[in-house]
Amino acid sequence: MRRIAAEEAEATLRAAGAEPREPYPGRISLPWKAVHLVCGKEISPRLSNLRPGRHLCIHCSHAAAGVARRAKLEATAVAEMRAAEWEPLAPYPGTGGRWLAKHNPCGTERETTLNSVRDKVSRGVLYGCET
């Protein structure tokens, strides 16, 4: 395993977006306590894992994965809402999240969930009309 000087290691960690919280442990394969500058969370990256395209912070990585997952599902969700005669008025919050939408036949605006709309459609229930 290649050894690097403490100054070079600190520069590498800072360039990746973290501030060291303890002295360099001496090897690139050892965890090094630091704070992620983007989110402020304590992290313990290994310099050997710092590569372009990899997330430095597990917390930010999970958040980014959730955003990417919802983005993939959004087009399908919007199509389902429109098929049930609902027009979304806000970004997709996930299947169980409250979603502001307008019911096209009657013009009612309300917060509903995709799960509620799916349930009503599967049971053949008219959902949304206030009259």
N, C-alpha and C. Protein backbone atom coordinates (compact mmCIF):
# COMPACT_ATOMS: atom_id res chain seq x y z
N MET A 1 0.85 -1.18 0.00
CA MET A 1 0.00 0.00 0.00
C MET A 1 0.89 1.24 0.00
N ARG A 2 0.60 2.17 -0.82
CA ARG A 2 1.41 3.39 -0.95
C ARG A 2 1.19 4.31 0.25
N ARG A 3 2.27 4.83 0.79
CA ARG A 3 2.19 5.81 1.88
C ARG A 3 2.36 7.21 1.28
N ILE A 4 1.63 8.15 1.87
CA ILE A 4 1.78 9.53 1.42
C ILE A 4 2.03 10.42 2.64
N ALA A 5 2.59 11.56 2.41
CA ALA A 5 2.89 12.50 3.49
C ALA A 5 1.60 13.09 4.04
N ALA A 6 1.63 13.48 5.31
CA ALA A 6 0.46 14.04 5.98
C ALA A 6 -0.08 15.27 5.26
N GLU A 7 0.81 16.13 4.77
CA GLU A 7 0.36 17.34 4.08
C GLU A 7 -0.40 17.00 2.80
N GLU A 8 0.11 16.03 2.06
CA GLU A 8 -0.56 15.60 0.83
C GLU A 8 -1.90 14.95 1.14
N ALA A 9 -1.94 14.16 2.21
CA ALA A 9 -3.19 13.51 2.62
C ALA A 9 -4.24 14.53 3.01
N GLU A 10 -3.84 15.53 3.79
CA GLU A 10 -4.78 16.58 4.19
C GLU A 10 -5.30 17.35 2.99
N ALA A 11 -4.42 17.66 2.06
CA ALA A 11 -4.84 18.37 0.85
C ALA A 11 -5.82 17.53 0.05
N THR A 12 -5.59 16.24 -0.04
CA THR A 12 -6.49 15.33 -0.77
C THR A 12 -7.86 15.29 -0.11
N LEU A 13 -7.87 15.17 1.22
CA LEU A 13 -9.14 15.11 1.95
C LEU A 13 -9.92 16.41 1.81
N ARG A 14 -9.23 17.54 1.92
CA ARG A 14 -9.90 18.84 1.78
C ARG A 14 -10.42 19.05 0.36
N ALA A 15 -9.66 18.61 -0.62
CA ALA A 15 -10.10 18.73 -2.02
C ALA A 15 -11.35 17.88 -2.28
N ALA A 16 -11.50 16.80 -1.52
CA ALA A 16 -12.68 15.93 -1.66
C ALA A 16 -13.89 16.51 -0.95
N GLY A 17 -13.68 17.53 -0.10
CA GLY A 17 -14.81 18.19 0.56
C GLY A 17 -14.97 17.88 2.02
N ALA A 18 -13.88 17.54 2.71
CA ALA A 18 -13.96 17.23 4.14
C ALA A 18 -12.85 17.94 4.89
N GLU A 19 -13.11 18.19 6.16
CA GLU A 19 -12.12 18.82 7.03
C GLU A 19 -11.69 17.78 8.07
N PRO A 20 -10.39 17.48 8.15
CA PRO A 20 -9.92 16.48 9.12
C PRO A 20 -10.22 16.89 10.56
N ARG A 21 -10.56 15.93 11.41
CA ARG A 21 -10.83 16.17 12.82
C ARG A 21 -9.76 15.55 13.72
N GLU A 22 -8.81 14.86 13.11
CA GLU A 22 -7.71 14.26 13.84
C GLU A 22 -6.51 14.19 12.89
N PRO A 23 -5.33 13.96 13.43
CA PRO A 23 -4.15 13.85 12.56
C PRO A 23 -4.27 12.68 11.59
N TYR A 24 -3.60 12.79 10.47
CA TYR A 24 -3.58 11.73 9.46
C TYR A 24 -3.11 10.42 10.10
N PRO A 25 -3.86 9.32 9.92
CA PRO A 25 -3.50 8.07 10.57
C PRO A 25 -2.25 7.39 10.01
N GLY A 26 -1.71 7.87 8.92
CA GLY A 26 -0.45 7.36 8.42
C GLY A 26 -0.54 6.41 7.24
N ARG A 27 -1.73 5.89 6.96
CA ARG A 27 -1.89 4.99 5.82
C ARG A 27 -3.22 5.29 5.12
N ILE A 28 -3.23 5.15 3.81
CA ILE A 28 -4.44 5.49 3.05
C ILE A 28 -5.55 4.48 3.26
N SER A 29 -5.26 3.33 3.83
CA SER A 29 -6.28 2.29 4.03
C SER A 29 -6.97 2.40 5.38
N LEU A 30 -6.55 3.32 6.24
CA LEU A 30 -7.15 3.47 7.56
C LEU A 30 -8.23 4.56 7.56
N PRO A 31 -9.32 4.35 8.31
CA PRO A 31 -10.35 5.41 8.41
C PRO A 31 -9.76 6.65 9.09
N TRP A 32 -10.28 7.81 8.66
CA TRP A 32 -9.77 9.08 9.16
C TRP A 32 -10.97 9.96 9.52
N LYS A 33 -11.11 10.29 10.79
CA LYS A 33 -12.26 11.11 11.22
C LYS A 33 -12.18 12.50 10.60
N ALA A 34 -13.33 12.90 10.05
CA ALA A 34 -13.42 14.20 9.38
C ALA A 34 -14.87 14.66 9.42
N VAL A 35 -15.11 15.88 8.99
CA VAL A 35 -16.45 16.43 8.87
C VAL A 35 -16.68 16.74 7.40
N HIS A 36 -17.81 16.26 6.86
CA HIS A 36 -18.17 16.56 5.48
C HIS A 36 -18.63 18.01 5.40
N LEU A 37 -17.99 18.80 4.58
CA LEU A 37 -18.27 20.23 4.53
C LEU A 37 -19.64 20.56 3.95
N VAL A 38 -20.19 19.69 3.15
CA VAL A 38 -21.50 19.94 2.53
C VAL A 38 -22.63 19.82 3.55
N CYS A 39 -22.62 18.72 4.34
CA CYS A 39 -23.73 18.46 5.25
C CYS A 39 -23.38 18.64 6.72
N GLY A 40 -22.08 18.73 7.05
CA GLY A 40 -21.66 18.92 8.43
C GLY A 40 -21.63 17.66 9.27
N LYS A 41 -21.85 16.51 8.67
CA LYS A 41 -21.86 15.25 9.43
C LYS A 41 -20.44 14.72 9.60
N GLU A 42 -20.25 14.00 10.71
CA GLU A 42 -18.97 13.33 10.98
C GLU A 42 -18.87 12.11 10.07
N ILE A 43 -17.73 11.95 9.41
CA ILE A 43 -17.49 10.82 8.51
C ILE A 43 -16.12 10.23 8.82
N SER A 44 -15.88 9.05 8.32
CA SER A 44 -14.58 8.39 8.49
C SER A 44 -14.14 7.76 7.18
N PRO A 45 -13.78 8.59 6.20
CA PRO A 45 -13.38 8.04 4.91
C PRO A 45 -11.97 7.44 4.97
N ARG A 46 -11.67 6.63 4.01
CA ARG A 46 -10.32 6.12 3.80
C ARG A 46 -9.82 6.79 2.53
N LEU A 47 -8.61 7.28 2.55
CA LEU A 47 -8.08 7.95 1.36
C LEU A 47 -8.07 7.00 0.16
N SER A 48 -7.92 5.71 0.41
CA SER A 48 -7.91 4.74 -0.69
C SER A 48 -9.25 4.67 -1.41
N ASN A 49 -10.32 5.14 -0.77
CA ASN A 49 -11.66 5.11 -1.38
C ASN A 49 -12.04 6.41 -2.09
N LEU A 50 -11.22 7.43 -1.97
CA LEU A 50 -11.56 8.71 -2.60
C LEU A 50 -11.25 8.65 -4.09
N ARG A 51 -12.32 8.51 -4.86
CA ARG A 51 -12.19 8.44 -6.32
C ARG A 51 -13.27 9.31 -6.94
N PRO A 52 -12.99 9.83 -8.11
CA PRO A 52 -14.03 10.63 -8.79
C PRO A 52 -15.29 9.79 -9.01
N GLY A 53 -16.45 10.40 -8.77
CA GLY A 53 -17.71 9.70 -8.99
C GLY A 53 -18.21 8.96 -7.77
N ARG A 54 -17.40 8.82 -6.74
CA ARG A 54 -17.82 8.15 -5.51
C ARG A 54 -18.18 9.20 -4.49
N HIS A 55 -19.20 8.91 -3.69
CA HIS A 55 -19.60 9.85 -2.64
C HIS A 55 -18.66 9.73 -1.45
N LEU A 56 -18.28 10.84 -0.90
CA LEU A 56 -17.42 10.89 0.27
C LEU A 56 -18.23 10.56 1.52
N CYS A 57 -19.47 10.99 1.56
CA CYS A 57 -20.32 10.91 2.76
C CYS A 57 -21.48 9.94 2.53
N ILE A 58 -21.62 8.97 3.40
CA ILE A 58 -22.70 7.98 3.28
C ILE A 58 -24.07 8.65 3.41
N HIS A 59 -24.17 9.67 4.26
CA HIS A 59 -25.45 10.36 4.46
C HIS A 59 -25.89 11.05 3.17
N CYS A 60 -24.97 11.77 2.55
CA CYS A 60 -25.28 12.45 1.30
C CYS A 60 -25.51 11.45 0.17
N SER A 61 -24.80 10.35 0.20
CA SER A 61 -24.96 9.31 -0.80
C SER A 61 -26.37 8.74 -0.77
N HIS A 62 -26.86 8.45 0.43
CA HIS A 62 -28.22 7.90 0.56
C HIS A 62 -29.27 8.92 0.14
N ALA A 63 -29.07 10.18 0.49
CA ALA A 63 -30.01 11.22 0.08
C ALA A 63 -30.04 11.35 -1.44
N ALA A 64 -28.89 11.32 -2.07
CA ALA A 64 -28.81 11.42 -3.53
C ALA A 64 -29.47 10.21 -4.20
N ALA A 65 -29.30 9.05 -3.61
CA ALA A 65 -29.92 7.84 -4.17
C ALA A 65 -31.44 7.94 -4.11
N GLY A 66 -31.97 8.49 -3.01
CA GLY A 66 -33.42 8.67 -2.89
C GLY A 66 -33.96 9.64 -3.93
N VAL A 67 -33.25 10.73 -4.14
CA VAL A 67 -33.66 11.72 -5.15
C VAL A 67 -33.65 11.07 -6.53
N ALA A 68 -32.61 10.32 -6.84
CA ALA A 68 -32.51 9.66 -8.15
C ALA A 68 -33.62 8.63 -8.33
N ARG A 69 -33.92 7.88 -7.27
CA ARG A 69 -34.97 6.86 -7.34
C ARG A 69 -36.33 7.52 -7.59
N ARG A 70 -36.63 8.60 -6.85
CA ARG A 70 -37.91 9.29 -7.05
C ARG A 70 -38.00 9.90 -8.44
N ALA A 71 -36.90 10.41 -8.97
CA ALA A 71 -36.91 11.00 -10.31
C ALA A 71 -37.27 9.96 -11.36
N LYS A 72 -36.76 8.74 -11.19
CA LYS A 72 -37.10 7.68 -12.14
C LYS A 72 -38.59 7.33 -12.07
N LEU A 73 -39.14 7.35 -10.87
CA LEU A 73 -40.53 6.96 -10.67
C LEU A 73 -41.52 8.08 -10.98
N GLU A 74 -41.03 9.31 -11.04
CA GLU A 74 -41.93 10.46 -11.20
C GLU A 74 -42.74 10.41 -12.49
N ALA A 75 -42.13 10.07 -13.60
CA ALA A 75 -42.86 10.05 -14.87
C ALA A 75 -44.01 9.05 -14.84
N THR A 76 -43.77 7.89 -14.27
CA THR A 76 -44.82 6.87 -14.15
C THR A 76 -45.92 7.35 -13.22
N ALA A 77 -45.53 7.97 -12.11
CA ALA A 77 -46.51 8.46 -11.14
C ALA A 77 -47.40 9.55 -11.74
N VAL A 78 -46.80 10.46 -12.47
CA VAL A 78 -47.57 11.54 -13.11
C VAL A 78 -48.54 10.93 -14.13
N ALA A 79 -48.10 9.95 -14.88
CA ALA A 79 -48.98 9.29 -15.86
C ALA A 79 -50.15 8.61 -15.16
N GLU A 80 -49.90 7.95 -14.04
CA GLU A 80 -50.98 7.30 -13.29
C GLU A 80 -51.98 8.32 -12.77
N MET A 81 -51.47 9.44 -12.25
CA MET A 81 -52.37 10.48 -11.74
C MET A 81 -53.24 11.04 -12.87
N ARG A 82 -52.63 11.29 -14.01
CA ARG A 82 -53.39 11.85 -15.14
C ARG A 82 -54.41 10.85 -15.65
N ALA A 83 -54.08 9.57 -15.66
CA ALA A 83 -55.03 8.54 -16.08
C ALA A 83 -56.24 8.48 -15.15
N ALA A 84 -56.02 8.84 -13.88
CA ALA A 84 -57.11 8.87 -12.90
C ALA A 84 -57.77 10.24 -12.85
N GLU A 85 -57.47 11.09 -13.81
CA GLU A 85 -58.03 12.44 -13.96
C GLU A 85 -57.59 13.41 -12.87
N TRP A 86 -56.37 13.26 -12.42
CA TRP A 86 -55.75 14.19 -11.48
C TRP A 86 -54.56 14.85 -12.16
N GLU A 87 -54.41 16.15 -11.99
CA GLU A 87 -53.26 16.88 -12.54
C GLU A 87 -52.36 17.31 -11.38
N PRO A 88 -51.15 16.74 -11.28
CA PRO A 88 -50.24 17.13 -10.20
C PRO A 88 -49.88 18.61 -10.28
N LEU A 89 -49.85 19.27 -9.13
CA LEU A 89 -49.51 20.69 -9.05
C LEU A 89 -48.22 20.93 -8.29
N ALA A 90 -47.56 19.86 -7.86
CA ALA A 90 -46.31 19.96 -7.09
C ALA A 90 -45.40 18.81 -7.51
N PRO A 91 -44.14 18.88 -7.15
CA PRO A 91 -43.22 17.77 -7.47
C PRO A 91 -43.64 16.48 -6.76
N TYR A 92 -43.30 15.37 -7.36
CA TYR A 92 -43.62 14.04 -6.84
C TYR A 92 -42.94 13.80 -5.49
N PRO A 93 -43.71 13.50 -4.41
CA PRO A 93 -43.12 13.29 -3.09
C PRO A 93 -42.88 11.83 -2.73
N GLY A 94 -43.21 10.91 -3.60
CA GLY A 94 -43.16 9.48 -3.28
C GLY A 94 -44.57 8.95 -3.19
N THR A 95 -44.74 7.64 -3.16
CA THR A 95 -46.08 7.06 -3.22
C THR A 95 -46.95 7.39 -2.02
N GLY A 96 -46.34 7.53 -0.84
CA GLY A 96 -47.12 7.80 0.36
C GLY A 96 -47.12 9.25 0.79
N GLY A 97 -46.38 10.10 0.08
CA GLY A 97 -46.29 11.51 0.44
C GLY A 97 -47.50 12.30 -0.05
N ARG A 98 -47.85 13.35 0.69
CA ARG A 98 -48.97 14.21 0.31
C ARG A 98 -48.58 14.98 -0.95
N TRP A 99 -49.47 14.93 -1.96
CA TRP A 99 -49.18 15.50 -3.27
C TRP A 99 -50.32 16.42 -3.66
N LEU A 100 -50.04 17.70 -3.82
CA LEU A 100 -51.06 18.65 -4.25
C LEU A 100 -51.40 18.39 -5.71
N ALA A 101 -52.70 18.19 -5.96
CA ALA A 101 -53.16 17.89 -7.31
C ALA A 101 -54.56 18.45 -7.51
N LYS A 102 -54.94 18.62 -8.77
CA LYS A 102 -56.28 19.12 -9.12
C LYS A 102 -57.04 17.99 -9.79
N HIS A 103 -58.27 17.75 -9.32
CA HIS A 103 -59.13 16.76 -9.95
C HIS A 103 -59.78 17.43 -11.16
N ASN A 104 -59.45 16.97 -12.35
CA ASN A 104 -59.87 17.64 -13.57
C ASN A 104 -61.38 17.73 -13.77
N PRO A 105 -62.18 16.69 -13.52
CA PRO A 105 -63.62 16.81 -13.78
C PRO A 105 -64.31 17.91 -12.97
N CYS A 106 -63.91 18.11 -11.71
CA CYS A 106 -64.62 19.09 -10.89
C CYS A 106 -63.78 20.30 -10.51
N GLY A 107 -62.46 20.24 -10.77
CA GLY A 107 -61.59 21.37 -10.46
C GLY A 107 -61.15 21.46 -9.01
N THR A 108 -61.47 20.47 -8.20
CA THR A 108 -61.07 20.48 -6.79
C THR A 108 -59.56 20.30 -6.67
N GLU A 109 -58.95 21.15 -5.85
CA GLU A 109 -57.53 21.00 -5.55
C GLU A 109 -57.41 20.46 -4.13
N ARG A 110 -56.57 19.45 -3.96
CA ARG A 110 -56.34 18.90 -2.62
C ARG A 110 -55.03 18.15 -2.58
N GLU A 111 -54.58 17.90 -1.37
CA GLU A 111 -53.42 17.03 -1.18
C GLU A 111 -53.93 15.60 -1.08
N THR A 112 -53.39 14.76 -1.89
CA THR A 112 -53.73 13.34 -1.87
C THR A 112 -52.43 12.57 -1.98
N THR A 113 -52.52 11.27 -1.94
CA THR A 113 -51.33 10.45 -2.14
C THR A 113 -51.54 9.57 -3.36
N LEU A 114 -50.46 9.20 -3.98
CA LEU A 114 -50.56 8.29 -5.12
C LEU A 114 -51.17 6.97 -4.67
N ASN A 115 -50.82 6.52 -3.47
CA ASN A 115 -51.40 5.28 -2.95
C ASN A 115 -52.92 5.37 -2.84
N SER A 116 -53.45 6.51 -2.40
CA SER A 116 -54.90 6.70 -2.30
C SER A 116 -55.56 6.64 -3.67
N VAL A 117 -54.95 7.32 -4.63
CA VAL A 117 -55.50 7.32 -5.98
C VAL A 117 -55.47 5.91 -6.56
N ARG A 118 -54.36 5.20 -6.39
CA ARG A 118 -54.26 3.81 -6.88
C ARG A 118 -55.32 2.93 -6.24
N ASP A 119 -55.52 3.08 -4.93
CA ASP A 119 -56.52 2.27 -4.22
C ASP A 119 -57.92 2.51 -4.77
N LYS A 120 -58.27 3.77 -4.95
CA LYS A 120 -59.61 4.10 -5.45
C LYS A 120 -59.80 3.59 -6.89
N VAL A 121 -58.79 3.75 -7.72
CA VAL A 121 -58.87 3.28 -9.11
C VAL A 121 -59.03 1.77 -9.14
N SER A 122 -58.28 1.05 -8.31
CA SER A 122 -58.37 -0.42 -8.32
C SER A 122 -59.74 -0.91 -7.85
N ARG A 123 -60.42 -0.12 -7.00
CA ARG A 123 -61.76 -0.50 -6.54
C ARG A 123 -62.88 0.12 -7.37
N GLY A 124 -62.49 0.90 -8.40
CA GLY A 124 -63.48 1.50 -9.27
C GLY A 124 -64.28 2.62 -8.62
N VAL A 125 -63.71 3.25 -7.61
CA VAL A 125 -64.39 4.31 -6.87
C VAL A 125 -64.06 5.65 -7.49
N LEU A 126 -65.06 6.51 -7.69
CA LEU A 126 -64.83 7.87 -8.16
C LEU A 126 -64.22 8.65 -7.01
N TYR A 127 -63.04 9.20 -7.21
CA TYR A 127 -62.31 9.85 -6.12
C TYR A 127 -61.95 11.26 -6.54
N GLY A 128 -62.45 12.24 -5.82
CA GLY A 128 -62.06 13.61 -6.07
C GLY A 128 -63.21 14.56 -6.19
N CYS A 129 -64.33 14.14 -6.75
CA CYS A 129 -65.45 15.04 -6.94
C CYS A 129 -66.11 15.37 -5.61
N GLU A 130 -66.28 16.65 -5.36
CA GLU A 130 -66.89 17.10 -4.13
C GLU A 130 -68.42 17.13 -4.22
N THR A 131 -68.95 17.00 -5.40
CA THR A 131 -70.41 17.08 -5.55
C THR A 131 -71.05 15.72 -5.49
